[in-house]
């Protein structure tokens, strides 16, 4: 059974930091490109950051560049999202997504974790 489990939900003040974690089980993690998505109330889901299966160059949506850092530890089957200088507009449910690097039909979602940025 494939599971992607996110952790690190929280309420932080503007300018604060939070680290999200996504731990995978049931898949060969090293074969999967990993991403973080977010969805705010009333908005479409948005790709925030992604990192290739081989820990290559990550990519970010413009609104988080310089503030968020995506990383992964293939030995621990875990992906991270370090979020600094958080803004109220970062408030959303954050979900991790795994896509096999050779077969995009093999893809899985986590259940999502709430991040709220508010004073």
N, C-alpha and C. Protein backbone atom coordinates (compact mmCIF):
# COMPACT_ATOMS: atom_id res chain seq x y z
N UNK A 1 0.84 -1.18 0.00
CA UNK A 1 0.00 0.00 0.00
C UNK A 1 0.88 1.24 0.00
N UNK A 2 0.61 2.13 -0.94
CA UNK A 2 1.39 3.35 -1.05
C UNK A 2 0.83 4.41 -0.11
N UNK A 3 1.72 5.03 0.63
CA UNK A 3 1.32 6.13 1.50
C UNK A 3 2.32 7.27 1.42
N UNK A 4 1.78 8.47 1.31
CA UNK A 4 2.57 9.70 1.45
C UNK A 4 1.97 10.44 2.65
N UNK A 5 2.79 10.63 3.66
CA UNK A 5 2.28 11.23 4.90
C UNK A 5 3.00 12.54 5.15
N UNK A 6 2.21 13.62 5.16
CA UNK A 6 2.78 14.93 5.43
C UNK A 6 2.70 15.24 6.92
N UNK A 7 3.63 16.02 7.39
CA UNK A 7 3.61 16.51 8.76
C UNK A 7 4.20 17.91 8.76
N UNK A 8 3.96 18.62 9.87
CA UNK A 8 4.50 19.97 10.02
C UNK A 8 3.47 21.07 9.94
N UNK A 9 2.21 20.68 10.02
CA UNK A 9 1.16 21.69 9.94
C UNK A 9 1.29 22.67 11.09
N UNK A 10 0.81 23.91 10.84
CA UNK A 10 0.88 24.84 11.94
C UNK A 10 0.34 26.22 11.62
N UNK A 11 0.25 26.99 12.69
CA UNK A 11 -0.14 28.40 12.61
C UNK A 11 1.08 29.23 12.96
N UNK A 12 1.50 30.09 12.05
CA UNK A 12 2.67 30.93 12.29
C UNK A 12 2.34 32.37 11.96
N UNK A 13 3.09 33.26 12.56
CA UNK A 13 2.92 34.68 12.27
C UNK A 13 3.65 35.05 10.99
N UNK A 14 3.22 36.10 10.33
CA UNK A 14 3.94 36.57 9.15
C UNK A 14 5.41 36.79 9.48
N UNK A 15 6.26 36.34 8.56
CA UNK A 15 7.70 36.42 8.78
C UNK A 15 8.27 35.20 9.45
N UNK A 16 7.43 34.32 9.91
CA UNK A 16 7.88 33.12 10.59
C UNK A 16 8.29 32.02 9.63
N UNK A 17 8.68 30.89 10.21
CA UNK A 17 9.17 29.75 9.43
C UNK A 17 8.44 28.48 9.84
N UNK A 18 8.44 27.55 8.91
CA UNK A 18 7.82 26.25 9.15
C UNK A 18 8.48 25.24 8.21
N UNK A 19 8.63 24.01 8.66
CA UNK A 19 9.17 22.97 7.79
C UNK A 19 8.14 21.86 7.65
N UNK A 20 7.81 21.54 6.42
CA UNK A 20 6.91 20.43 6.13
C UNK A 20 7.73 19.21 5.74
N UNK A 21 7.20 18.05 6.08
CA UNK A 21 7.85 16.78 5.78
C UNK A 21 6.85 15.86 5.09
N UNK A 22 7.31 15.15 4.09
CA UNK A 22 6.50 14.13 3.41
C UNK A 22 7.29 12.84 3.40
N UNK A 23 6.77 11.84 4.06
CA UNK A 23 7.45 10.54 4.14
C UNK A 23 6.67 9.51 3.33
N UNK A 24 7.38 8.79 2.49
CA UNK A 24 6.74 7.83 1.59
C UNK A 24 6.97 6.40 2.06
N UNK A 25 5.98 5.57 1.80
CA UNK A 25 6.13 4.14 2.02
C UNK A 25 5.38 3.43 0.89
N UNK A 26 5.84 2.21 0.59
CA UNK A 26 5.18 1.43 -0.45
C UNK A 26 5.63 1.73 -1.86
N UNK A 27 6.60 2.64 -2.02
CA UNK A 27 7.15 2.93 -3.34
C UNK A 27 8.67 2.96 -3.26
N UNK A 28 9.33 2.79 -4.42
CA UNK A 28 10.78 2.96 -4.49
C UNK A 28 11.01 4.45 -4.63
N UNK A 29 11.18 5.12 -3.51
CA UNK A 29 11.18 6.58 -3.45
C UNK A 29 12.16 7.20 -4.44
N UNK A 30 13.31 6.59 -4.61
CA UNK A 30 14.36 7.16 -5.46
C UNK A 30 13.92 7.25 -6.93
N UNK A 31 12.89 6.53 -7.30
CA UNK A 31 12.41 6.55 -8.68
C UNK A 31 11.32 7.60 -8.94
N UNK A 32 11.03 8.39 -7.94
CA UNK A 32 9.91 9.31 -8.05
C UNK A 32 10.36 10.76 -7.98
N UNK A 33 9.89 11.55 -8.96
CA UNK A 33 9.98 13.00 -8.87
C UNK A 33 8.96 13.45 -7.84
N UNK A 34 9.36 14.37 -6.99
CA UNK A 34 8.50 14.79 -5.89
C UNK A 34 8.17 16.28 -5.99
N UNK A 35 6.97 16.60 -5.55
CA UNK A 35 6.53 17.99 -5.60
C UNK A 35 5.69 18.33 -4.38
N UNK A 36 5.65 19.62 -4.10
CA UNK A 36 4.71 20.18 -3.13
C UNK A 36 3.70 21.03 -3.90
N UNK A 37 2.43 20.81 -3.62
CA UNK A 37 1.36 21.63 -4.14
C UNK A 37 0.66 22.31 -2.96
N UNK A 38 -0.08 23.35 -3.26
CA UNK A 38 -0.91 23.97 -2.22
C UNK A 38 -2.23 24.43 -2.82
N UNK A 39 -3.22 24.47 -1.97
CA UNK A 39 -4.53 24.95 -2.40
C UNK A 39 -5.13 25.80 -1.29
N UNK A 40 -5.36 27.05 -1.63
CA UNK A 40 -5.99 27.97 -0.69
C UNK A 40 -7.50 27.94 -0.92
N UNK A 41 -8.27 28.33 0.07
CA UNK A 41 -9.73 28.33 -0.07
C UNK A 41 -10.17 29.16 -1.26
N UNK A 42 -11.01 28.56 -2.10
CA UNK A 42 -11.54 29.27 -3.25
C UNK A 42 -10.59 29.42 -4.41
N UNK A 43 -9.42 28.79 -4.31
CA UNK A 43 -8.43 28.90 -5.38
C UNK A 43 -8.07 27.53 -5.93
N UNK A 44 -7.49 27.53 -7.12
CA UNK A 44 -7.06 26.27 -7.73
C UNK A 44 -5.77 25.78 -7.07
N UNK A 45 -5.55 24.51 -7.17
CA UNK A 45 -4.31 23.94 -6.64
C UNK A 45 -3.13 24.46 -7.45
N UNK A 46 -2.06 24.75 -6.75
CA UNK A 46 -0.89 25.38 -7.35
C UNK A 46 0.36 24.57 -7.05
N UNK A 47 1.19 24.37 -8.08
CA UNK A 47 2.48 23.72 -7.88
C UNK A 47 3.42 24.73 -7.22
N UNK A 48 3.96 24.37 -6.08
CA UNK A 48 4.83 25.26 -5.31
C UNK A 48 6.30 25.00 -5.61
N UNK A 49 6.69 23.73 -5.55
CA UNK A 49 8.10 23.39 -5.74
C UNK A 49 8.20 21.93 -6.14
N UNK A 50 9.24 21.60 -6.87
CA UNK A 50 9.45 20.22 -7.27
C UNK A 50 10.94 19.90 -7.27
N UNK A 51 11.25 18.61 -7.11
CA UNK A 51 12.64 18.16 -7.09
C UNK A 51 12.71 16.82 -7.80
N UNK A 52 13.65 16.65 -8.70
CA UNK A 52 13.73 15.41 -9.46
C UNK A 52 14.11 14.21 -8.59
N UNK A 53 13.90 13.03 -9.15
CA UNK A 53 14.15 11.79 -8.41
C UNK A 53 15.61 11.65 -8.01
N UNK A 54 16.51 12.23 -8.84
CA UNK A 54 17.94 12.09 -8.59
C UNK A 54 18.52 13.26 -7.80
N UNK A 55 17.65 13.98 -7.11
CA UNK A 55 18.06 15.13 -6.29
C UNK A 55 18.72 16.21 -7.13
N UNK A 56 18.25 16.32 -8.37
CA UNK A 56 18.77 17.35 -9.25
C UNK A 56 18.23 18.72 -8.92
N UNK A 57 18.30 19.60 -9.91
CA UNK A 57 17.94 21.00 -9.68
C UNK A 57 16.45 21.14 -9.36
N UNK A 58 16.12 21.77 -8.24
CA UNK A 58 14.71 21.98 -7.91
C UNK A 58 14.12 23.15 -8.69
N UNK A 59 12.82 23.24 -8.65
CA UNK A 59 12.13 24.33 -9.34
C UNK A 59 11.06 24.88 -8.41
N UNK A 60 10.79 26.19 -8.54
CA UNK A 60 9.86 26.87 -7.65
C UNK A 60 8.93 27.78 -8.42
N UNK A 61 7.74 27.95 -7.89
CA UNK A 61 6.86 28.99 -8.42
C UNK A 61 7.46 30.33 -8.01
N UNK A 62 7.28 31.34 -8.83
CA UNK A 62 7.94 32.63 -8.59
C UNK A 62 7.63 33.22 -7.22
N UNK A 63 6.42 33.01 -6.74
CA UNK A 63 6.00 33.66 -5.50
C UNK A 63 6.73 33.15 -4.27
N UNK A 64 7.42 32.01 -4.36
CA UNK A 64 8.12 31.47 -3.19
C UNK A 64 9.63 31.45 -3.37
N UNK A 65 10.11 31.84 -4.53
CA UNK A 65 11.55 31.82 -4.77
C UNK A 65 12.27 32.71 -3.76
N UNK A 66 13.35 32.16 -3.20
CA UNK A 66 14.11 32.91 -2.21
C UNK A 66 13.57 32.76 -0.80
N UNK A 67 12.40 32.16 -0.66
CA UNK A 67 11.81 31.97 0.68
C UNK A 67 11.64 30.49 1.03
N UNK A 68 11.31 29.67 0.06
CA UNK A 68 11.08 28.24 0.28
C UNK A 68 12.24 27.43 -0.29
N UNK A 69 12.54 26.32 0.36
CA UNK A 69 13.57 25.40 -0.13
C UNK A 69 13.03 23.98 -0.07
N UNK A 70 13.02 23.32 -1.21
CA UNK A 70 12.62 21.92 -1.27
C UNK A 70 13.86 21.05 -1.25
N UNK A 71 13.78 19.93 -0.57
CA UNK A 71 14.91 18.99 -0.52
C UNK A 71 14.36 17.59 -0.30
N UNK A 72 15.22 16.61 -0.45
CA UNK A 72 14.81 15.23 -0.23
C UNK A 72 15.98 14.42 0.28
N UNK A 73 15.64 13.37 1.00
CA UNK A 73 16.63 12.41 1.49
C UNK A 73 16.16 11.05 1.01
N UNK A 74 16.78 10.56 -0.04
CA UNK A 74 16.31 9.30 -0.63
C UNK A 74 16.52 8.11 0.30
N UNK A 75 17.50 8.19 1.16
CA UNK A 75 17.73 7.11 2.12
C UNK A 75 16.58 7.02 3.11
N UNK A 76 16.05 8.18 3.51
CA UNK A 76 14.95 8.22 4.48
C UNK A 76 13.58 8.23 3.80
N UNK A 77 13.56 8.23 2.47
CA UNK A 77 12.30 8.27 1.71
C UNK A 77 11.46 9.47 2.12
N UNK A 78 12.12 10.58 2.29
CA UNK A 78 11.46 11.76 2.82
C UNK A 78 11.79 12.99 2.00
N UNK A 79 10.78 13.85 1.84
CA UNK A 79 10.94 15.13 1.17
C UNK A 79 10.59 16.24 2.17
N UNK A 80 11.23 17.37 2.01
CA UNK A 80 11.04 18.48 2.93
C UNK A 80 10.68 19.76 2.16
N UNK A 81 10.00 20.65 2.86
CA UNK A 81 9.79 22.00 2.35
C UNK A 81 10.04 22.96 3.51
N UNK A 82 11.18 23.65 3.43
CA UNK A 82 11.50 24.66 4.42
C UNK A 82 10.91 25.97 3.94
N UNK A 83 10.05 26.54 4.76
CA UNK A 83 9.36 27.78 4.38
C UNK A 83 9.76 28.89 5.34
N UNK A 84 10.40 29.90 4.81
CA UNK A 84 10.84 31.05 5.60
C UNK A 84 10.12 32.31 5.16
N UNK A 85 10.16 33.30 6.02
CA UNK A 85 9.52 34.59 5.71
C UNK A 85 8.10 34.39 5.18
N UNK A 86 7.34 33.61 5.92
CA UNK A 86 5.99 33.27 5.47
C UNK A 86 5.09 34.49 5.43
N UNK A 87 4.18 34.48 4.46
CA UNK A 87 3.24 35.58 4.25
C UNK A 87 1.81 35.05 4.38
N UNK A 88 0.87 35.91 4.69
CA UNK A 88 -0.53 35.45 4.79
C UNK A 88 -1.00 34.75 3.52
N UNK A 89 -0.50 35.16 2.38
CA UNK A 89 -0.93 34.53 1.12
C UNK A 89 -0.36 33.12 0.93
N UNK A 90 0.51 32.70 1.84
CA UNK A 90 1.00 31.32 1.81
C UNK A 90 0.03 30.36 2.52
N UNK A 91 -0.98 30.90 3.15
CA UNK A 91 -1.97 30.07 3.84
C UNK A 91 -2.67 29.15 2.85
N UNK A 92 -2.61 27.85 3.13
CA UNK A 92 -3.19 26.86 2.22
C UNK A 92 -3.03 25.47 2.83
N UNK A 93 -3.66 24.52 2.17
CA UNK A 93 -3.37 23.11 2.46
C UNK A 93 -2.26 22.69 1.52
N UNK A 94 -1.19 22.18 2.09
CA UNK A 94 -0.02 21.76 1.31
C UNK A 94 -0.03 20.24 1.19
N UNK A 95 0.16 19.77 -0.04
CA UNK A 95 0.14 18.33 -0.30
C UNK A 95 1.39 17.91 -1.06
N UNK A 96 1.87 16.73 -0.77
CA UNK A 96 2.99 16.22 -1.55
C UNK A 96 2.48 15.28 -2.64
N UNK A 97 3.25 15.22 -3.69
CA UNK A 97 2.88 14.45 -4.88
C UNK A 97 4.10 13.73 -5.39
N UNK A 98 3.93 12.46 -5.70
CA UNK A 98 5.01 11.63 -6.23
C UNK A 98 4.64 11.14 -7.62
N UNK A 99 5.55 11.30 -8.57
CA UNK A 99 5.35 10.84 -9.95
C UNK A 99 6.57 10.05 -10.38
N UNK A 100 6.34 8.82 -10.83
CA UNK A 100 7.47 7.99 -11.30
C UNK A 100 8.15 8.68 -12.47
N UNK A 101 9.48 8.70 -12.46
CA UNK A 101 10.20 9.49 -13.46
C UNK A 101 10.13 8.90 -14.86
N UNK A 102 9.68 7.62 -14.98
CA UNK A 102 9.54 6.99 -16.30
C UNK A 102 8.09 6.78 -16.69
N UNK A 103 7.20 6.85 -15.74
CA UNK A 103 5.79 6.54 -16.03
C UNK A 103 4.90 7.46 -15.21
N UNK A 104 4.44 8.53 -15.85
CA UNK A 104 3.65 9.52 -15.11
C UNK A 104 2.32 8.98 -14.63
N UNK A 105 1.89 7.86 -15.18
CA UNK A 105 0.64 7.26 -14.72
C UNK A 105 0.77 6.72 -13.30
N UNK A 106 1.99 6.49 -12.88
CA UNK A 106 2.25 6.07 -11.50
C UNK A 106 2.47 7.33 -10.67
N UNK A 107 1.41 7.80 -10.05
CA UNK A 107 1.54 9.00 -9.24
C UNK A 107 0.62 8.92 -8.03
N UNK A 108 1.05 9.54 -6.95
CA UNK A 108 0.36 9.42 -5.67
C UNK A 108 0.34 10.76 -4.96
N UNK A 109 -0.71 10.93 -4.14
CA UNK A 109 -0.88 12.16 -3.37
C UNK A 109 -0.90 11.86 -1.87
N UNK A 110 -0.39 12.81 -1.11
CA UNK A 110 -0.58 12.78 0.33
C UNK A 110 -1.93 13.37 0.68
N UNK A 111 -2.24 13.32 1.96
CA UNK A 111 -3.57 13.76 2.40
C UNK A 111 -3.64 15.26 2.60
N UNK A 112 -2.49 15.92 2.68
CA UNK A 112 -2.45 17.37 2.85
C UNK A 112 -2.28 17.78 4.30
N UNK A 113 -1.65 18.94 4.47
CA UNK A 113 -1.46 19.48 5.81
C UNK A 113 -1.69 20.99 5.77
N UNK A 114 -2.34 21.49 6.78
CA UNK A 114 -2.75 22.90 6.79
C UNK A 114 -1.63 23.80 7.29
N UNK A 115 -1.38 24.86 6.53
CA UNK A 115 -0.45 25.91 6.95
C UNK A 115 -1.24 27.22 6.99
N UNK A 116 -1.22 27.86 8.13
CA UNK A 116 -1.93 29.13 8.30
C UNK A 116 -0.95 30.20 8.76
N UNK A 117 -0.90 31.28 8.01
CA UNK A 117 -0.01 32.40 8.34
C UNK A 117 -0.90 33.59 8.70
N UNK A 118 -0.85 33.95 9.97
CA UNK A 118 -1.73 35.00 10.45
C UNK A 118 -1.19 35.62 11.72
N UNK A 119 -1.43 36.90 11.90
CA UNK A 119 -1.02 37.56 13.13
C UNK A 119 -2.17 37.54 14.14
